[in-house]
Amino acid sequence: MRTKVAKEAFQVTELQRNYRVVLSEARESGALIRDKDGLMLIIQPAGDVQRTQYLNELMADALRMTRVLHSPQSERSASHYGSLAWASVLTEKDQEEFLQSLSDQLLISQYSGSTEVLEDLLGDWQATARAWSDEGLRKELLTDIDLPLADIEL
């Protein structure tokens, strides 16, 4: 869903005289308001603005993670990942796969206007990171798949 903004700007006085028209335009595609100093303001649904901010923050985090993955492992720390610090416990391969999936879904979410699938993706990868952060479970995950799991009773 591309953000649409009206081509014509309303004058501030039109907010008083024709507020219904201005609000209707704001609901539909965002309304431009030109104040007396010439500053342009946008009125649009709060959900649209909040979604855009959320996606922008995640895009910045994805860029930060890209930079981290291009640096030597010895120089990496969880704090370098920003709000995606939980991803630092994933294997290198999983981090790259997560970053690719995140980037793809960010683009889809930006154009679809929905963050539902993106949030599911983040939740799934966070669950994977929690599994990797448990030392006992990590050891089990890294063992030969043909060996029986330890401490499992049938």
Protein backbone atom coordinates (compact mmCIF):
# COMPACT_ATOMS: atom_id res chain seq x y z
CA MET A 1 0.00 0.00 0.00
CA ARG A 2 1.79 3.10 -1.21
CA THR A 3 1.13 6.15 0.88
CA LYS A 4 -1.03 8.50 -1.13
CA VAL A 5 -1.19 12.16 -0.31
CA ALA A 6 -3.56 14.65 -1.87
CA LYS A 7 -2.10 16.71 -4.69
CA GLU A 8 -3.73 19.94 -3.59
CA ALA A 9 -3.10 21.53 -0.23
CA PHE A 10 -5.86 22.96 1.89
CA GLN A 11 -5.40 26.34 3.51
CA VAL A 12 -5.61 26.50 7.31
CA THR A 13 -8.84 28.49 7.05
CA GLU A 14 -10.44 25.56 5.22
CA LEU A 15 -10.04 23.48 8.38
CA GLN A 16 -12.60 25.78 10.00
CA ARG A 17 -14.90 26.33 7.04
CA ASN A 18 -14.85 22.89 5.37
CA TYR A 19 -13.50 20.59 8.06
CA ARG A 20 -15.68 17.68 6.87
CA VAL A 21 -14.12 17.83 3.40
CA VAL A 22 -10.61 18.06 4.86
CA LEU A 23 -11.22 15.14 7.23
CA SER A 24 -12.74 13.07 4.45
CA GLU A 25 -9.64 13.68 2.32
CA ALA A 26 -7.41 12.86 5.32
CA ARG A 27 -9.18 9.53 5.88
CA GLU A 28 -9.01 8.61 2.21
CA SER A 29 -5.50 9.55 1.16
CA GLY A 30 -4.05 12.01 3.62
CA ALA A 31 -4.69 15.72 3.53
CA LEU A 32 -2.08 18.38 2.95
CA ILE A 33 -2.51 21.57 4.95
CA ARG A 34 -0.49 24.70 4.22
CA ASP A 35 -0.15 26.95 7.24
CA LYS A 36 0.19 30.71 7.03
CA ASP A 37 4.01 30.43 6.93
CA GLY A 38 3.91 28.03 3.98
CA LEU A 39 4.80 24.94 6.04
CA MET A 40 3.09 21.84 4.67
CA LEU A 41 1.49 19.48 7.18
CA ILE A 42 -0.11 16.08 6.58
CA ILE A 43 -3.20 14.75 8.30
CA GLN A 44 -3.62 11.02 7.90
CA PRO A 45 -4.88 8.05 9.93
CA ALA A 46 -2.69 7.33 12.95
CA GLY A 47 -2.53 3.62 12.06
CA ASP A 48 -0.87 4.45 8.74
CA VAL A 49 1.74 6.63 10.45
CA GLN A 50 2.41 4.07 13.18
CA ARG A 51 2.80 1.25 10.63
CA THR A 52 5.21 3.38 8.59
CA GLN A 53 7.29 4.19 11.67
CA TYR A 54 7.36 0.51 12.68
CA LEU A 55 8.50 -0.56 9.21
CA ASN A 56 11.12 2.21 9.07
CA GLU A 57 12.57 1.12 12.42
CA LEU A 58 12.73 -2.51 11.27
CA MET A 59 14.36 -1.47 7.99
CA ALA A 60 17.02 0.43 9.94
CA ASP A 61 17.54 -2.64 12.14
CA ALA A 62 17.90 -4.83 9.03
CA LEU A 63 20.53 -2.45 7.67
CA ARG A 64 22.33 -2.50 11.02
CA MET A 65 22.29 -6.30 11.00
CA THR A 66 23.63 -6.34 7.44
CA ARG A 67 26.59 -4.27 8.60
CA VAL A 68 27.13 -6.58 11.57
CA LEU A 69 27.17 -9.67 9.34
CA HIS A 70 29.81 -8.05 7.15
CA SER A 71 32.11 -7.51 10.12
CA PRO A 72 34.39 -10.21 11.57
CA GLN A 73 32.70 -12.45 14.15
CA SER A 74 35.34 -11.53 16.70
CA GLU A 75 34.18 -7.89 16.56
CA ARG A 76 30.46 -8.62 16.96
CA SER A 77 28.41 -8.26 20.11
CA ALA A 78 24.68 -8.47 20.76
CA SER A 79 24.54 -4.69 21.24
CA HIS A 80 25.62 -4.15 17.62
CA TYR A 81 22.33 -5.74 16.47
CA GLY A 82 20.17 -3.04 18.06
CA SER A 83 16.63 -4.22 18.70
CA LEU A 84 17.43 -7.46 16.85
CA ALA A 85 19.99 -8.42 19.53
CA TRP A 86 18.12 -11.67 20.11
CA ALA A 87 19.25 -12.76 16.60
CA SER A 88 22.89 -12.74 17.69
CA VAL A 89 22.50 -16.23 19.22
CA LEU A 90 21.51 -17.73 15.86
CA THR A 91 24.09 -19.50 13.74
CA GLU A 92 25.70 -17.44 10.99
CA LYS A 93 23.68 -19.30 8.35
CA ASP A 94 20.43 -18.73 10.25
CA GLN A 95 21.22 -15.03 10.71
CA GLU A 96 21.69 -14.66 6.97
CA GLU A 97 18.47 -16.58 6.26
CA PHE A 98 16.58 -14.48 8.83
CA LEU A 99 17.92 -11.24 7.35
CA GLN A 100 16.90 -12.29 3.83
CA SER A 101 13.40 -13.28 4.99
CA LEU A 102 13.08 -10.07 6.99
CA SER A 103 14.12 -7.92 4.04
CA ASP A 104 11.70 -9.67 1.69
CA GLN A 105 8.81 -9.40 4.14
CA LEU A 106 9.55 -5.75 4.90
CA LEU A 107 9.12 -4.93 1.21
CA ILE A 108 5.92 -6.94 0.99
CA SER A 109 4.54 -5.32 4.16
CA GLN A 110 5.41 -1.86 2.92
CA TYR A 111 3.37 -2.32 -0.25
CA SER A 112 0.55 -4.45 1.18
CA GLY A 113 -0.09 -2.22 4.18
CA SER A 114 -0.21 -5.26 6.48
CA THR A 115 2.38 -6.26 9.08
CA GLU A 116 0.68 -9.50 10.13
CA VAL A 117 2.97 -11.89 8.21
CA LEU A 118 6.01 -9.81 9.22
CA GLU A 119 5.10 -10.10 12.89
CA ASP A 120 4.60 -13.88 12.49
CA LEU A 121 8.05 -14.11 10.87
CA LEU A 122 9.66 -12.20 13.75
CA GLY A 123 7.86 -14.35 16.31
CA ASP A 124 9.00 -17.57 14.63
CA TRP A 125 12.62 -16.43 14.48
CA GLN A 126 12.53 -15.22 18.09
CA ALA A 127 11.33 -18.67 19.15
CA THR A 128 14.23 -20.19 17.19
CA ALA A 129 16.64 -17.81 18.92
CA ARG A 130 15.25 -18.80 22.33
CA ALA A 131 15.91 -22.45 21.45
CA TRP A 132 19.50 -21.64 20.41
CA SER A 133 20.10 -19.62 23.58
CA ASP A 134 19.36 -22.65 25.80
CA GLU A 135 22.76 -24.36 26.13
CA GLY A 136 21.34 -27.85 26.69
CA LEU A 137 18.96 -27.58 23.77
CA ARG A 138 21.67 -26.07 21.58
CA LYS A 139 23.90 -29.07 22.28
CA GLU A 140 21.07 -31.40 21.30
CA LEU A 141 20.35 -29.42 18.12
CA LEU A 142 23.99 -29.64 17.07
CA THR A 143 24.38 -33.38 17.62
CA ASP A 144 24.19 -35.92 14.83
CA ILE A 145 20.59 -36.29 13.73
CA ASP A 146 20.88 -40.08 13.60
CA LEU A 147 21.82 -40.29 17.31
CA PRO A 148 18.97 -40.58 19.82
CA LEU A 149 18.21 -37.49 21.88
CA ALA A 150 19.61 -37.55 25.41
CA ASP A 151 17.25 -37.68 28.38
CA ILE A 152 14.31 -38.83 26.27
CA GLU A 153 12.21 -41.68 27.61
CA LEU A 154 9.77 -43.51 25.41
